[in-house]
Amino acid sequence: MSMFGDGLDAAVQKAFTRPAPKSAPAQMRYLVKQLKGTWAVAQMLRISQRTVERYVKDQIKKPRPDLAARLENEVMKRWQPQIRAKARQRAASTGGIVIDTRARIGYTAPIGTTDEDRLRHLTVALPPQYAARLFGAQEQGASDQQLQQIAAEALKEVYFQDSGRRAGQLEEVRLTDIEHLEFDL
C-alpha cells in the first residue's frame, strides 16, 4: 500500500464534481463503457466475461470482497479524468498543496545543534513547485520512498528553513515512522 500515492489520489478525488458509482452493477457498467466491451473488463478484473455480463444485467449485485476492492479501485482510477487533471494542474501552477502529517521528523545539521528525531504534527502549505514535483513523480511511477523524499525536501524548505530566512546550514530532513498523512489541494 502506497501511503503517499494514495494520499495524493485522495486529495485529487476531493475535487470531483459527481460521486462515483457505488453499486457493483453500476461500477461494472461504467467500466464496460470506458473499456468498450465486457471482454476487456473481464481481463482487467481477472473474472469471466459471463460474470461481467451478469453484473451489467443486474443478475449479480454483491461481489466477493477482493473483487469489490479491485472494482472500486479501477473505477476510481478512471473517474472524471478531466476534473482530476485540472485539479492537479491548479495545484501545480497556482494553488499548491497542503500536507498534514504526524511523523518522526529529524534533520542533519552542523555539530552543536539539536538534530534528534522527534514526533511532530505538522500542517504545512507547500508552494506549487512541490505540488508539481509530487504529482509529476507520481505520474512517472515513483515509489513511495521517492515521494516521501520529495515531501521531506519540501518540509525542509518551507517549514524548517522558512524559504531561506533561517536554518541555512540545514542539510537534510528525515521523515520516518509516519502515523498520519493527508494531502489537501
Foldseek 3Di string as FASTA:
>chain_A
DQPLLVQLLVQLVVQDPDDFDDWQLSLLVVVCVVVVHLVVVCVQLVHDSVVSVCSVVVVDTDDDPVSSVSSVVVRSVPPPPVSSVVVLVCCQPANPKKKWWWFFKFFDFDPPDPGDTDTDTDIDGFHNNLSNVLVVCVVVPHGSVVSQQSVQVRCCCCPVCVNPVDPVRTDGMDTDPIPDIHMHD
